[in-house]
Amino acid sequence: MNSPAPIALRQIAVTVSDVDTALGFYRDVLALEFLFRAGPGLAFLDAGGVRLMLSTPQGAGEAGRNSVLYFHVHDIVRVFEGCIAKGAVSERTPALAARIPDHDLWIGFLRDPDGNLVGLMEEVREAPPATG
């Protein structure tokens, strides 16, 4: 029997300039479940079992200078176009990133209100239709 990994990802912090604006993007555009606020400078959402913490800069943090967040979605083209319709900024439309023996990996990129890169990814058995 496989034992659980000794280290598992549970939370990611994203530094933003305005928590309310970022909360609107991650909750309303990406449709992540809002969990709770911890004062005016912190908000928490659920991203498929990983907690996403939105925070104003602390210490040496700087808004828009973060690692890329990748969210697994179903029907990447529909989700991507839905996010754009809700006001997200397109960085790159969904495209084939890699052919893996049992699936194709498709990735598209958006920008949040602070310019943080947000990836949408889908592992598909057949290529989704091209975006227009």
C-alpha atoms as a PDB file:
ATOM      1  CA  MET A   1       0.000   0.000   0.000  1.00  0.00           C
ATOM      2  CA  ASN A   2       1.246   3.509  -0.837  1.00  0.00           C
ATOM      3  CA  SER A   3       1.754   5.732   2.183  1.00  0.00           C
ATOM      4  CA  PRO A   4       0.919   9.431   1.903  1.00  0.00           C
ATOM      5  CA  ALA A   5       3.669  11.780   0.832  1.00  0.00           C
ATOM      6  CA  PRO A   6       5.512  13.283   3.799  1.00  0.00           C
ATOM      7  CA  ILE A   7       5.061  16.749   2.300  1.00  0.00           C
ATOM      8  CA  ALA A   8       1.869  17.888   0.610  1.00  0.00           C
ATOM      9  CA  LEU A   9       0.908  21.270  -0.802  1.00  0.00           C
ATOM     10  CA  ARG A  10      -1.881  22.822   1.301  1.00  0.00           C
ATOM     11  CA  GLN A  11      -1.624  26.589   0.761  1.00  0.00           C
ATOM     12  CA  ILE A  12      -0.227  29.062  -1.759  1.00  0.00           C
ATOM     13  CA  ALA A  13       0.194  32.761  -1.018  1.00  0.00           C
ATOM     14  CA  VAL A  14      -0.225  35.332  -3.777  1.00  0.00           C
ATOM     15  CA  THR A  15       0.912  38.886  -3.137  1.00  0.00           C
ATOM     16  CA  VAL A  16      -1.572  41.426  -4.489  1.00  0.00           C
ATOM     17  CA  SER A  17      -1.912  45.204  -4.298  1.00  0.00           C
ATOM     18  CA  ASP A  18      -5.584  45.128  -3.249  1.00  0.00           C
ATOM     19  CA  VAL A  19      -7.135  42.066  -1.616  1.00  0.00           C
ATOM     20  CA  ASP A  20     -10.718  43.042  -2.503  1.00  0.00           C
ATOM     21  CA  THR A  21      -9.885  43.436  -6.202  1.00  0.00           C
ATOM     22  CA  ALA A  22      -7.945  40.166  -6.278  1.00  0.00           C
ATOM     23  CA  LEU A  23     -10.709  38.393  -4.366  1.00  0.00           C
ATOM     24  CA  GLY A  24     -13.156  39.461  -7.059  1.00  0.00           C
ATOM     25  CA  PHE A  25     -10.916  37.952  -9.746  1.00  0.00           C
ATOM     26  CA  TYR A  26     -10.193  34.619  -8.070  1.00  0.00           C
ATOM     27  CA  ARG A  27     -13.737  34.179  -6.686  1.00  0.00           C
ATOM     28  CA  ASP A  28     -15.875  35.659  -9.471  1.00  0.00           C
ATOM     29  CA  VAL A  29     -13.776  35.127 -12.623  1.00  0.00           C
ATOM     30  CA  LEU A  30     -12.026  31.835 -11.784  1.00  0.00           C
ATOM     31  CA  ALA A  31     -14.950  30.668  -9.582  1.00  0.00           C
ATOM     32  CA  LEU A  32     -12.810  29.502  -6.652  1.00  0.00           C
ATOM     33  CA  GLU A  33     -14.730  28.898  -3.445  1.00  0.00           C
ATOM     34  CA  PHE A  34     -14.358  31.720  -0.922  1.00  0.00           C
ATOM     35  CA  LEU A  35     -13.353  30.369   2.506  1.00  0.00           C
ATOM     36  CA  PHE A  36     -12.795  33.297   4.887  1.00  0.00           C
ATOM     37  CA  ARG A  37     -11.204  36.691   5.550  1.00  0.00           C
ATOM     38  CA  ALA A  38      -8.601  37.243   8.257  1.00  0.00           C
ATOM     39  CA  GLY A  39      -8.674  40.993   8.556  1.00  0.00           C
ATOM     40  CA  PRO A  40      -8.646  43.515   5.714  1.00  0.00           C
ATOM     41  CA  GLY A  41      -5.339  42.332   4.195  1.00  0.00           C
ATOM     42  CA  LEU A  42      -5.981  38.587   3.903  1.00  0.00           C
ATOM     43  CA  ALA A  43      -8.520  36.448   2.065  1.00  0.00           C
ATOM     44  CA  PHE A  44      -8.573  32.678   1.600  1.00  0.00           C
ATOM     45  CA  LEU A  45     -10.126  30.563  -1.147  1.00  0.00           C
ATOM     46  CA  ASP A  46     -10.236  26.858  -1.952  1.00  0.00           C
ATOM     47  CA  ALA A  47      -8.521  25.801  -5.184  1.00  0.00           C
ATOM     48  CA  GLY A  48      -9.402  22.119  -5.392  1.00  0.00           C
ATOM     49  CA  GLY A  49      -8.211  21.300  -1.892  1.00  0.00           C
ATOM     50  CA  VAL A  50      -5.286  23.727  -1.868  1.00  0.00           C
ATOM     51  CA  ARG A  51      -5.902  26.922   0.048  1.00  0.00           C
ATOM     52  CA  LEU A  52      -5.094  30.113  -1.839  1.00  0.00           C
ATOM     53  CA  MET A  53      -4.120  33.050   0.384  1.00  0.00           C
ATOM     54  CA  LEU A  54      -4.396  36.550  -1.045  1.00  0.00           C
ATOM     55  CA  SER A  55      -2.230  39.025   0.859  1.00  0.00           C
ATOM     56  CA  THR A  56      -0.906  42.527   0.455  1.00  0.00           C
ATOM     57  CA  PRO A  57       2.909  42.750   0.344  1.00  0.00           C
ATOM     58  CA  GLN A  58       4.594  41.665   3.576  1.00  0.00           C
ATOM     59  CA  GLY A  59       8.289  42.112   4.157  1.00  0.00           C
ATOM     60  CA  ALA A  60      10.034  41.863   0.785  1.00  0.00           C
ATOM     61  CA  GLY A  61       6.874  40.805  -1.108  1.00  0.00           C
ATOM     62  CA  GLU A  62       5.840  42.697  -4.213  1.00  0.00           C
ATOM     63  CA  ALA A  63       2.506  42.509  -6.051  1.00  0.00           C
ATOM     64  CA  GLY A  64       2.725  40.904  -9.494  1.00  0.00           C
ATOM     65  CA  ARG A  65       6.080  39.167  -8.864  1.00  0.00           C
ATOM     66  CA  ASN A  66       4.963  35.650  -8.059  1.00  0.00           C
ATOM     67  CA  SER A  67       5.345  32.153  -9.355  1.00  0.00           C
ATOM     68  CA  VAL A  68       2.715  30.997 -11.830  1.00  0.00           C
ATOM     69  CA  LEU A  69      -0.440  29.392 -10.443  1.00  0.00           C
ATOM     70  CA  TYR A  70      -1.805  26.582 -12.621  1.00  0.00           C
ATOM     71  CA  PHE A  71      -5.461  25.591 -12.217  1.00  0.00           C
ATOM     72  CA  HIS A  72      -6.719  22.298 -13.637  1.00  0.00           C
ATOM     73  CA  VAL A  73      -9.998  22.794 -15.504  1.00  0.00           C
ATOM     74  CA  HIS A  74     -12.396  20.786 -17.630  1.00  0.00           C
ATOM     75  CA  ASP A  75     -13.098  22.202 -21.113  1.00  0.00           C
ATOM     76  CA  ILE A  76     -10.227  24.679 -21.147  1.00  0.00           C
ATOM     77  CA  VAL A  77     -11.489  26.666 -24.132  1.00  0.00           C
ATOM     78  CA  ARG A  78     -14.915  27.248 -22.544  1.00  0.00           C
ATOM     79  CA  VAL A  79     -13.391  28.150 -19.154  1.00  0.00           C
ATOM     80  CA  PHE A  80     -10.802  30.461 -20.736  1.00  0.00           C
ATOM     81  CA  GLU A  81     -13.385  32.276 -22.862  1.00  0.00           C
ATOM     82  CA  GLY A  82     -15.688  32.536 -19.831  1.00  0.00           C
ATOM     83  CA  CYS A  83     -12.911  34.169 -17.807  1.00  0.00           C
ATOM     84  CA  ILE A  84     -12.217  36.646 -20.624  1.00  0.00           C
ATOM     85  CA  ALA A  85     -15.942  37.453 -20.815  1.00  0.00           C
ATOM     86  CA  LYS A  86     -15.831  38.229 -17.081  1.00  0.00           C
ATOM     87  CA  GLY A  87     -12.991  40.703 -17.561  1.00  0.00           C
ATOM     88  CA  ALA A  88      -9.816  38.620 -17.251  1.00  0.00           C
ATOM     89  CA  VAL A  89      -6.840  39.704 -19.354  1.00  0.00           C
ATOM     90  CA  SER A  90      -5.622  37.127 -21.862  1.00  0.00           C
ATOM     91  CA  GLU A  91      -1.916  36.406 -21.909  1.00  0.00           C
ATOM     92  CA  ARG A  92      -2.075  33.374 -24.222  1.00  0.00           C
ATOM     93  CA  THR A  93      -5.069  31.441 -25.516  1.00  0.00           C
ATOM     94  CA  PRO A  94      -5.202  27.716 -24.755  1.00  0.00           C
ATOM     95  CA  ALA A  95      -2.801  25.710 -26.891  1.00  0.00           C
ATOM     96  CA  LEU A  96      -1.250  22.272 -26.974  1.00  0.00           C
ATOM     97  CA  ALA A  97       1.777  22.308 -24.661  1.00  0.00           C
ATOM     98  CA  ALA A  98       2.806  18.641 -24.717  1.00  0.00           C
ATOM     99  CA  ARG A  99       1.798  15.284 -26.154  1.00  0.00           C
ATOM    100  CA  ILE A 100       2.030  12.709 -23.393  1.00  0.00           C
ATOM    101  CA  PRO A 101       1.453   9.029 -24.244  1.00  0.00           C
ATOM    102  CA  ASP A 102      -2.037   8.852 -22.710  1.00  0.00           C
ATOM    103  CA  HIS A 103      -3.190  12.482 -23.153  1.00  0.00           C
ATOM    104  CA  ASP A 104      -2.458  15.910 -24.542  1.00  0.00           C
ATOM    105  CA  LEU A 105      -1.653  18.751 -22.146  1.00  0.00           C
ATOM    106  CA  TRP A 106      -3.305  22.056 -23.036  1.00  0.00           C
ATOM    107  CA  ILE A 107      -2.390  25.314 -21.291  1.00  0.00           C
ATOM    108  CA  GLY A 108      -3.672  28.889 -21.544  1.00  0.00           C
ATOM    109  CA  PHE A 109      -2.674  31.949 -19.526  1.00  0.00           C
ATOM    110  CA  LEU A 110      -4.516  34.885 -17.973  1.00  0.00           C
ATOM    111  CA  ARG A 111      -3.337  37.829 -15.882  1.00  0.00           C
ATOM    112  CA  ASP A 112      -4.951  38.737 -12.562  1.00  0.00           C
ATOM    113  CA  PRO A 113      -5.562  42.417 -11.663  1.00  0.00           C
ATOM    114  CA  ASP A 114      -1.943  42.779 -10.414  1.00  0.00           C
ATOM    115  CA  GLY A 115      -0.385  41.156 -13.476  1.00  0.00           C
ATOM    116  CA  ASN A 116       0.278  37.784 -11.827  1.00  0.00           C
ATOM    117  CA  LEU A 117       0.344  35.035 -14.429  1.00  0.00           C
ATOM    118  CA  VAL A 118      -2.442  32.473 -13.980  1.00  0.00           C
ATOM    119  CA  GLY A 119      -2.322  29.224 -15.948  1.00  0.00           C
ATOM    120  CA  LEU A 120      -5.307  27.113 -16.905  1.00  0.00           C
ATOM    121  CA  MET A 121      -4.449  23.545 -17.813  1.00  0.00           C
ATOM    122  CA  GLU A 122      -6.338  20.502 -19.025  1.00  0.00           C
ATOM    123  CA  GLU A 123      -5.233  16.969 -19.736  1.00  0.00           C
ATOM    124  CA  VAL A 124      -7.381  15.837 -22.650  1.00  0.00           C
ATOM    125  CA  ARG A 125      -7.739  12.680 -24.671  1.00  0.00           C
ATOM    126  CA  GLU A 126      -8.755  14.690 -27.769  1.00  0.00           C
ATOM    127  CA  ALA A 127      -7.670  18.224 -28.655  1.00  0.00           C
ATOM    128  CA  PRO A 128     -10.214  20.907 -27.758  1.00  0.00           C
ATOM    129  CA  PRO A 129     -11.367  23.183 -30.576  1.00  0.00           C
ATOM    130  CA  ALA A 130      -9.236  26.238 -31.318  1.00  0.00           C
ATOM    131  CA  THR A 131     -10.190  29.514 -29.702  1.00  0.00           C
ATOM    132  CA  GLY A 132     -11.425  32.267 -31.929  1.00  0.00           C
END
